[in-house]
């Protein structure tokens, strides 16, 4: 997600996105430990997106 997209979301939407992305992140990390995924950069990008969402949620509260 882009920064501009995140700013347009409401606090409730951000919380929903965070829950979904954190679940995806956990699954992706587990899958990568079992057998390396094709593009491990996706893990880093997902972690950074989660951080952006948490930052924006803190700013809105």
PDB file of N, CA and C in Angstrom:
ATOM      1  N   UNK A   1       0.823  -1.183   0.000  1.00  0.00           N
ATOM      2  CA  UNK A   1       0.000   0.000   0.000  1.00  0.00           C
ATOM      3  C   UNK A   1       0.868   1.248   0.000  1.00  0.00           C
ATOM      4  N   UNK A   2       0.401   2.212  -0.683  1.00  0.00           N
ATOM      5  CA  UNK A   2       1.089   3.490  -0.719  1.00  0.00           C
ATOM      6  C   UNK A   2       0.705   4.324   0.495  1.00  0.00           C
ATOM      7  N   UNK A   3       1.541   5.289   0.820  1.00  0.00           N
ATOM      8  CA  UNK A   3       1.283   6.165   1.959  1.00  0.00           C
ATOM      9  C   UNK A   3      -0.013   6.951   1.774  1.00  0.00           C
ATOM     10  N   UNK A   4      -0.273   7.390   0.559  1.00  0.00           N
ATOM     11  CA  UNK A   4      -1.487   8.166   0.283  1.00  0.00           C
ATOM     12  C   UNK A   4      -2.737   7.309   0.475  1.00  0.00           C
ATOM     13  N   UNK A   5      -2.660   6.033   0.102  1.00  0.00           N
ATOM     14  CA  UNK A   5      -3.799   5.134   0.285  1.00  0.00           C
ATOM     15  C   UNK A   5      -4.088   4.926   1.767  1.00  0.00           C
ATOM     16  N   UNK A   6      -3.043   4.811   2.547  1.00  0.00           N
ATOM     17  CA  UNK A   6      -3.196   4.568   3.974  1.00  0.00           C
ATOM     18  C   UNK A   6      -3.817   5.780   4.664  1.00  0.00           C
ATOM     19  N   UNK A   7      -3.428   6.978   4.261  1.00  0.00           N
ATOM     20  CA  UNK A   7      -3.956   8.193   4.893  1.00  0.00           C
ATOM     21  C   UNK A   7      -5.453   8.350   4.666  1.00  0.00           C
ATOM     22  N   UNK A   8      -5.976   7.808   3.565  1.00  0.00           N
ATOM     23  CA  UNK A   8      -7.387   7.930   3.257  1.00  0.00           C
ATOM     24  C   UNK A   8      -8.262   6.943   4.021  1.00  0.00           C
ATOM     25  N   UNK A   9      -7.668   5.968   4.682  1.00  0.00           N
ATOM     26  CA  UNK A   9      -8.436   4.964   5.417  1.00  0.00           C
ATOM     27  C   UNK A   9      -8.873   5.490   6.777  1.00  0.00           C
ATOM     28  N   UNK A  10      -9.985   4.984   7.256  1.00  0.00           N
ATOM     29  CA  UNK A  10     -10.432   5.335   8.602  1.00  0.00           C
ATOM     30  C   UNK A  10      -9.713   4.429   9.608  1.00  0.00           C
ATOM     31  N   UNK A  11      -9.830   4.761  10.880  1.00  0.00           N
ATOM     32  CA  UNK A  11      -9.151   3.984  11.922  1.00  0.00           C
ATOM     33  C   UNK A  11      -9.651   2.541  11.940  1.00  0.00           C
ATOM     34  N   UNK A  12     -10.928   2.343  11.750  1.00  0.00           N
ATOM     35  CA  UNK A  12     -11.476   0.982  11.720  1.00  0.00           C
ATOM     36  C   UNK A  12     -10.950   0.169  10.548  1.00  0.00           C
ATOM     37  N   UNK A  13     -10.855   0.815   9.393  1.00  0.00           N
ATOM     38  CA  UNK A  13     -10.318   0.132   8.214  1.00  0.00           C
ATOM     39  C   UNK A  13      -8.855  -0.236   8.418  1.00  0.00           C
ATOM     40  N   UNK A  14      -8.112   0.652   9.052  1.00  0.00           N
ATOM     41  CA  UNK A  14      -6.698   0.388   9.307  1.00  0.00           C
ATOM     42  C   UNK A  14      -6.556  -0.820  10.227  1.00  0.00           C
ATOM     43  N   UNK A  15      -7.400  -0.898  11.264  1.00  0.00           N
ATOM     44  CA  UNK A  15      -7.343  -2.041  12.186  1.00  0.00           C
ATOM     45  C   UNK A  15      -7.657  -3.345  11.460  1.00  0.00           C
ATOM     46  N   UNK A  16      -8.629  -3.313  10.560  1.00  0.00           N
ATOM     47  CA  UNK A  16      -8.968  -4.515   9.791  1.00  0.00           C
ATOM     48  C   UNK A  16      -7.815  -4.925   8.888  1.00  0.00           C
ATOM     49  N   UNK A  17      -7.212  -3.945   8.217  1.00  0.00           N
ATOM     50  CA  UNK A  17      -6.073  -4.227   7.344  1.00  0.00           C
ATOM     51  C   UNK A  17      -4.907  -4.793   8.151  1.00  0.00           C
ATOM     52  N   UNK A  18      -4.652  -4.213   9.325  1.00  0.00           N
ATOM     53  CA  UNK A  18      -3.561  -4.689  10.169  1.00  0.00           C
ATOM     54  C   UNK A  18      -3.752  -6.142  10.563  1.00  0.00           C
ATOM     55  N   UNK A  19      -4.957  -6.502  10.958  1.00  0.00           N
ATOM     56  CA  UNK A  19      -5.223  -7.880  11.358  1.00  0.00           C
ATOM     57  C   UNK A  19      -4.970  -8.843  10.201  1.00  0.00           C
ATOM     58  N   UNK A  20      -5.435  -8.476   9.021  1.00  0.00           N
ATOM     59  CA  UNK A  20      -5.262  -9.340   7.856  1.00  0.00           C
ATOM     60  C   UNK A  20      -3.791  -9.453   7.454  1.00  0.00           C
ATOM     61  N   UNK A  21      -3.090  -8.323   7.449  1.00  0.00           N
ATOM     62  CA  UNK A  21      -1.695  -8.340   7.025  1.00  0.00           C
ATOM     63  C   UNK A  21      -0.796  -9.055   8.029  1.00  0.00           C
ATOM     64  N   UNK A  22      -1.097  -8.926   9.316  1.00  0.00           N
ATOM     65  CA  UNK A  22      -0.308  -9.633  10.322  1.00  0.00           C
ATOM     66  C   UNK A  22      -0.483 -11.146  10.183  1.00  0.00           C
ATOM     67  N   UNK A  23      -1.697 -11.583   9.865  1.00  0.00           N
ATOM     68  CA  UNK A  23      -1.936 -13.012   9.639  1.00  0.00           C
ATOM     69  C   UNK A  23      -1.162 -13.488   8.404  1.00  0.00           C
ATOM     70  N   UNK A  24      -1.193 -12.695   7.335  1.00  0.00           N
ATOM     71  CA  UNK A  24      -0.447 -13.040   6.119  1.00  0.00           C
ATOM     72  C   UNK A  24       1.046 -13.090   6.392  1.00  0.00           C
ATOM     73  N   UNK A  25       1.530 -12.152   7.196  1.00  0.00           N
ATOM     74  CA  UNK A  25       2.952 -12.085   7.516  1.00  0.00           C
ATOM     75  C   UNK A  25       3.392 -13.341   8.272  1.00  0.00           C
ATOM     76  N   UNK A  26       2.579 -13.756   9.233  1.00  0.00           N
ATOM     77  CA  UNK A  26       2.909 -14.951  10.007  1.00  0.00           C
ATOM     78  C   UNK A  26       2.938 -16.185   9.107  1.00  0.00           C
ATOM     79  N   UNK A  27       1.953 -16.303   8.231  1.00  0.00           N
ATOM     80  CA  UNK A  27       1.900 -17.440   7.311  1.00  0.00           C
ATOM     81  C   UNK A  27       3.096 -17.436   6.360  1.00  0.00           C
ATOM     82  N   UNK A  28       3.445 -16.249   5.877  1.00  0.00           N
ATOM     83  CA  UNK A  28       4.548 -16.136   4.932  1.00  0.00           C
ATOM     84  C   UNK A  28       5.881 -16.498   5.592  1.00  0.00           C
ATOM     85  N   UNK A  29       6.078 -16.047   6.832  1.00  0.00           N
ATOM     86  CA  UNK A  29       7.311 -16.380   7.549  1.00  0.00           C
ATOM     87  C   UNK A  29       7.418 -17.879   7.779  1.00  0.00           C
ATOM     88  N   UNK A  30       6.316 -18.502   8.158  1.00  0.00           N
ATOM     89  CA  UNK A  30       6.312 -19.940   8.387  1.00  0.00           C
ATOM     90  C   UNK A  30       6.603 -20.699   7.097  1.00  0.00           C
ATOM     91  N   UNK A  31       5.966 -20.288   6.010  1.00  0.00           N
ATOM     92  CA  UNK A  31       6.180 -20.932   4.713  1.00  0.00           C
ATOM     93  C   UNK A  31       7.628 -20.780   4.265  1.00  0.00           C
ATOM     94  N   UNK A  32       8.228 -19.648   4.567  1.00  0.00           N
ATOM     95  CA  UNK A  32       9.610 -19.405   4.167  1.00  0.00           C
ATOM     96  C   UNK A  32      10.581 -20.269   4.975  1.00  0.00           C
ATOM     97  N   UNK A  33      10.245 -20.537   6.226  1.00  0.00           N
ATOM     98  CA  UNK A  33      11.113 -21.395   7.044  1.00  0.00           C
ATOM     99  C   UNK A  33      11.042 -22.843   6.587  1.00  0.00           C
ATOM    100  N   UNK A  34       9.878 -23.290   6.155  1.00  0.00           N
ATOM    101  CA  UNK A  34       9.715 -24.671   5.711  1.00  0.00           C
ATOM    102  C   UNK A  34      10.431 -24.885   4.387  1.00  0.00           C
ATOM    103  N   UNK A  35      10.103 -24.080   3.419  1.00  0.00           N
ATOM    104  CA  UNK A  35      10.809 -24.122   2.134  1.00  0.00           C
ATOM    105  C   UNK A  35      10.895 -22.693   1.634  1.00  0.00           C
ATOM    106  N   UNK A  36      12.070 -22.261   1.223  1.00  0.00           N
ATOM    107  CA  UNK A  36      12.240 -20.853   0.823  1.00  0.00           C
ATOM    108  C   UNK A  36      11.248 -20.427  -0.258  1.00  0.00           C
ATOM    109  N   UNK A  37      10.626 -19.272  -0.019  1.00  0.00           N
ATOM    110  CA  UNK A  37       9.689 -18.765  -1.017  1.00  0.00           C
ATOM    111  C   UNK A  37      10.472 -18.152  -2.167  1.00  0.00           C
ATOM    112  N   UNK A  38       9.789 -17.984  -3.275  1.00  0.00           N
ATOM    113  CA  UNK A  38      10.434 -17.512  -4.497  1.00  0.00           C
ATOM    114  C   UNK A  38      10.990 -16.103  -4.356  1.00  0.00           C
ATOM    115  N   UNK A  39      10.222 -15.218  -3.692  1.00  0.00           N
ATOM    116  CA  UNK A  39      10.639 -13.826  -3.570  1.00  0.00           C
ATOM    117  C   UNK A  39      10.613 -13.404  -2.097  1.00  0.00           C
ATOM    118  N   UNK A  40      11.728 -13.569  -1.373  1.00  0.00           N
ATOM    119  CA  UNK A  40      11.739 -13.230   0.049  1.00  0.00           C
ATOM    120  C   UNK A  40      11.612 -11.732   0.332  1.00  0.00           C
ATOM    121  N   UNK A  41      11.739 -10.900  -0.683  1.00  0.00           N
ATOM    122  CA  UNK A  41      11.574  -9.456  -0.509  1.00  0.00           C
ATOM    123  C   UNK A  41      10.133  -9.139  -0.103  1.00  0.00           C
ATOM    124  N   UNK A  42       9.195 -10.026  -0.463  1.00  0.00           N
ATOM    125  CA  UNK A  42       7.793  -9.828  -0.100  1.00  0.00           C
ATOM    126  C   UNK A  42       7.628  -9.759   1.407  1.00  0.00           C
ATOM    127  N   UNK A  43       8.422 -10.527   2.146  1.00  0.00           N
ATOM    128  CA  UNK A  43       8.346 -10.519   3.607  1.00  0.00           C
ATOM    129  C   UNK A  43       8.712  -9.142   4.131  1.00  0.00           C
ATOM    130  N   UNK A  44       9.775  -8.584   3.619  1.00  0.00           N
ATOM    131  CA  UNK A  44      10.213  -7.257   4.053  1.00  0.00           C
ATOM    132  C   UNK A  44       9.174  -6.195   3.708  1.00  0.00           C
ATOM    133  N   UNK A  45       8.634  -6.264   2.502  1.00  0.00           N
ATOM    134  CA  UNK A  45       7.631  -5.285   2.084  1.00  0.00           C
ATOM    135  C   UNK A  45       6.372  -5.367   2.944  1.00  0.00           C
ATOM    136  N   UNK A  46       5.973  -6.572   3.286  1.00  0.00           N
ATOM    137  CA  UNK A  46       4.796  -6.755   4.129  1.00  0.00           C
ATOM    138  C   UNK A  46       5.039  -6.203   5.535  1.00  0.00           C
ATOM    139  N   UNK A  47       6.226  -6.441   6.064  1.00  0.00           N
ATOM    140  CA  UNK A  47       6.575  -5.918   7.386  1.00  0.00           C
ATOM    141  C   UNK A  47       6.567  -4.396   7.389  1.00  0.00           C
ATOM    142  N   UNK A  48       7.050  -3.799   6.349  1.00  0.00           N
ATOM    143  CA  UNK A  48       7.071  -2.342   6.258  1.00  0.00           C
ATOM    144  C   UNK A  48       5.675  -1.760   6.083  1.00  0.00           C
ATOM    145  N   UNK A  49       4.821  -2.452   5.350  1.00  0.00           N
ATOM    146  CA  UNK A  49       3.439  -2.003   5.196  1.00  0.00           C
ATOM    147  C   UNK A  49       2.718  -2.045   6.532  1.00  0.00           C
ATOM    148  N   UNK A  50       2.975  -3.096   7.315  1.00  0.00           N
ATOM    149  CA  UNK A  50       2.382  -3.202   8.648  1.00  0.00           C
ATOM    150  C   UNK A  50       2.844  -2.033   9.509  1.00  0.00           C
ATOM    151  N   UNK A  51       4.112  -1.696   9.432  1.00  0.00           N
ATOM    152  CA  UNK A  51       4.647  -0.579  10.215  1.00  0.00           C
ATOM    153  C   UNK A  51       4.009   0.740   9.786  1.00  0.00           C
ATOM    154  N   UNK A  52       3.799   0.927   8.499  1.00  0.00           N
ATOM    155  CA  UNK A  52       3.151   2.151   8.020  1.00  0.00           C
ATOM    156  C   UNK A  52       1.727   2.261   8.551  1.00  0.00           C
ATOM    157  N   UNK A  53       1.011   1.137   8.529  1.00  0.00           N
ATOM    158  CA  UNK A  53      -0.358   1.139   9.033  1.00  0.00           C
ATOM    159  C   UNK A  53      -0.395   1.442  10.540  1.00  0.00           C
ATOM    160  N   UNK A  54       0.514   0.838  11.292  1.00  0.00           N
ATOM    161  CA  UNK A  54       0.543   1.095  12.731  1.00  0.00           C
ATOM    162  C   UNK A  54       0.883   2.535  13.029  1.00  0.00           C
ATOM    163  N   UNK A  55       1.783   3.120  12.256  1.00  0.00           N
ATOM    164  CA  UNK A  55       2.138   4.528  12.440  1.00  0.00           C
ATOM    165  C   UNK A  55       0.948   5.431  12.165  1.00  0.00           C
ATOM    166  N   UNK A  56       0.261   5.169  11.084  1.00  0.00           N
ATOM    167  CA  UNK A  56      -0.904   6.002  10.734  1.00  0.00           C
ATOM    168  C   UNK A  56      -2.026   5.831  11.752  1.00  0.00           C
ATOM    169  N   UNK A  57      -2.200   4.640  12.277  1.00  0.00           N
ATOM    170  CA  UNK A  57      -3.214   4.402  13.293  1.00  0.00           C
ATOM    171  C   UNK A  57      -2.885   5.188  14.556  1.00  0.00           C
ATOM    172  N   UNK A  58      -1.628   5.230  14.938  1.00  0.00           N
ATOM    173  CA  UNK A  58      -1.194   6.007  16.099  1.00  0.00           C
ATOM    174  C   UNK A  58      -1.440   7.496  15.863  1.00  0.00           C
ATOM    175  N   UNK A  59      -1.163   7.973  14.680  1.00  0.00           N
ATOM    176  CA  UNK A  59      -1.388   9.382  14.366  1.00  0.00           C
ATOM    177  C   UNK A  59      -2.861   9.766  14.401  1.00  0.00           C
ATOM    178  N   UNK A  60      -3.735   8.842  14.017  1.00  0.00           N
ATOM    179  CA  UNK A  60      -5.171   9.142  13.993  1.00  0.00           C
ATOM    180  C   UNK A  60      -5.778   9.110  15.376  1.00  0.00           C
ATOM    181  N   UNK A  61      -5.144   8.422  16.309  1.00  0.00           N
ATOM    182  CA  UNK A  61      -5.725   8.313  17.661  1.00  0.00           C
ATOM    183  C   UNK A  61      -5.287   9.389  18.558  1.00  0.00           C
TER     184      UNK A  61
END
